[in-house]
Amino acid sequence: MELPFTNLEMAFILLAFVIFSFFTLASIYTDPDEKNEVLENKTKLQKENCVS
């Protein structure tokens, strides 16, 4: 029975799956609202420093 993919192709398929899974988990377990608040506070501080 022949395999449908070569070893190199299987390696790339597995690598793509692992990377996709990593980014999926990262998007689930990070809180974008918290990051946006930090960025907003930094920009407010920068604007205040420029004005004064």
C-alpha atoms as a PDB file:
ATOM      1  CA  MET A   1       0.000   0.000   0.000  1.00  0.00           C
ATOM      2  CA  GLU A   2       1.434   3.387  -1.000  1.00  0.00           C
ATOM      3  CA  LEU A   3       1.254   6.411   1.224  1.00  0.00           C
ATOM      4  CA  PRO A   4      -0.463   9.423  -0.337  1.00  0.00           C
ATOM      5  CA  PHE A   5       2.295  11.838   0.807  1.00  0.00           C
ATOM      6  CA  THR A   6       6.072  11.761   1.013  1.00  0.00           C
ATOM      7  CA  ASN A   7       7.780  12.226   4.378  1.00  0.00           C
ATOM      8  CA  LEU A   8       8.661  15.822   3.519  1.00  0.00           C
ATOM      9  CA  GLU A   9       5.060  16.642   2.639  1.00  0.00           C
ATOM     10  CA  MET A  10       3.855  15.067   5.873  1.00  0.00           C
ATOM     11  CA  ALA A  11       6.383  17.146   7.820  1.00  0.00           C
ATOM     12  CA  PHE A  12       5.045  20.359   6.267  1.00  0.00           C
ATOM     13  CA  ILE A  13       1.439  19.330   6.890  1.00  0.00           C
ATOM     14  CA  LEU A  14       2.189  18.593  10.556  1.00  0.00           C
ATOM     15  CA  LEU A  15       4.166  21.812  10.945  1.00  0.00           C
ATOM     16  CA  ALA A  16       1.283  23.834   9.479  1.00  0.00           C
ATOM     17  CA  PHE A  17      -1.163  22.097  11.818  1.00  0.00           C
ATOM     18  CA  VAL A  18       1.004  22.810  14.879  1.00  0.00           C
ATOM     19  CA  ILE A  19       1.435  26.479  13.943  1.00  0.00           C
ATOM     20  CA  PHE A  20      -2.290  26.866  13.232  1.00  0.00           C
ATOM     21  CA  SER A  21      -3.126  25.250  16.578  1.00  0.00           C
ATOM     22  CA  PHE A  22      -0.664  27.495  18.399  1.00  0.00           C
ATOM     23  CA  PHE A  23      -2.169  30.680  16.964  1.00  0.00           C
ATOM     24  CA  THR A  24      -5.687  29.416  17.638  1.00  0.00           C
ATOM     25  CA  LEU A  25      -4.887  28.738  21.287  1.00  0.00           C
ATOM     26  CA  ALA A  26      -3.078  32.075  21.588  1.00  0.00           C
ATOM     27  CA  SER A  27      -6.131  33.919  20.264  1.00  0.00           C
ATOM     28  CA  ILE A  28      -8.380  32.085  22.703  1.00  0.00           C
ATOM     29  CA  TYR A  29      -6.256  32.605  25.820  1.00  0.00           C
ATOM     30  CA  THR A  30      -5.241  36.245  25.271  1.00  0.00           C
ATOM     31  CA  ASP A  31      -7.529  39.109  26.205  1.00  0.00           C
ATOM     32  CA  PRO A  32      -7.530  41.770  23.476  1.00  0.00           C
ATOM     33  CA  ASP A  33      -9.508  44.270  25.577  1.00  0.00           C
ATOM     34  CA  GLU A  34      -6.767  44.309  28.199  1.00  0.00           C
ATOM     35  CA  LYS A  35      -4.123  44.973  25.553  1.00  0.00           C
ATOM     36  CA  ASN A  36      -6.193  47.779  24.042  1.00  0.00           C
ATOM     37  CA  GLU A  37      -6.531  49.440  27.448  1.00  0.00           C
ATOM     38  CA  VAL A  38      -2.759  49.368  27.918  1.00  0.00           C
ATOM     39  CA  LEU A  39      -2.234  50.893  24.472  1.00  0.00           C
ATOM     40  CA  GLU A  40      -4.865  53.584  25.127  1.00  0.00           C
ATOM     41  CA  ASN A  41      -3.219  54.495  28.442  1.00  0.00           C
ATOM     42  CA  LYS A  42       0.188  54.775  26.753  1.00  0.00           C
ATOM     43  CA  THR A  43      -1.162  57.051  24.031  1.00  0.00           C
ATOM     44  CA  LYS A  44      -2.931  59.219  26.618  1.00  0.00           C
ATOM     45  CA  LEU A  45       0.296  59.571  28.578  1.00  0.00           C
ATOM     46  CA  GLN A  46       2.217  60.431  25.429  1.00  0.00           C
ATOM     47  CA  LYS A  47      -0.359  63.073  24.447  1.00  0.00           C
ATOM     48  CA  GLU A  48      -0.293  64.571  27.946  1.00  0.00           C
ATOM     49  CA  ASN A  49       3.499  64.708  27.874  1.00  0.00           C
ATOM     50  CA  CYS A  50       3.473  66.452  24.492  1.00  0.00           C
ATOM     51  CA  VAL A  51       0.882  69.033  25.589  1.00  0.00           C
ATOM     52  CA  SER A  52       2.521  70.018  28.859  1.00  0.00           C
END
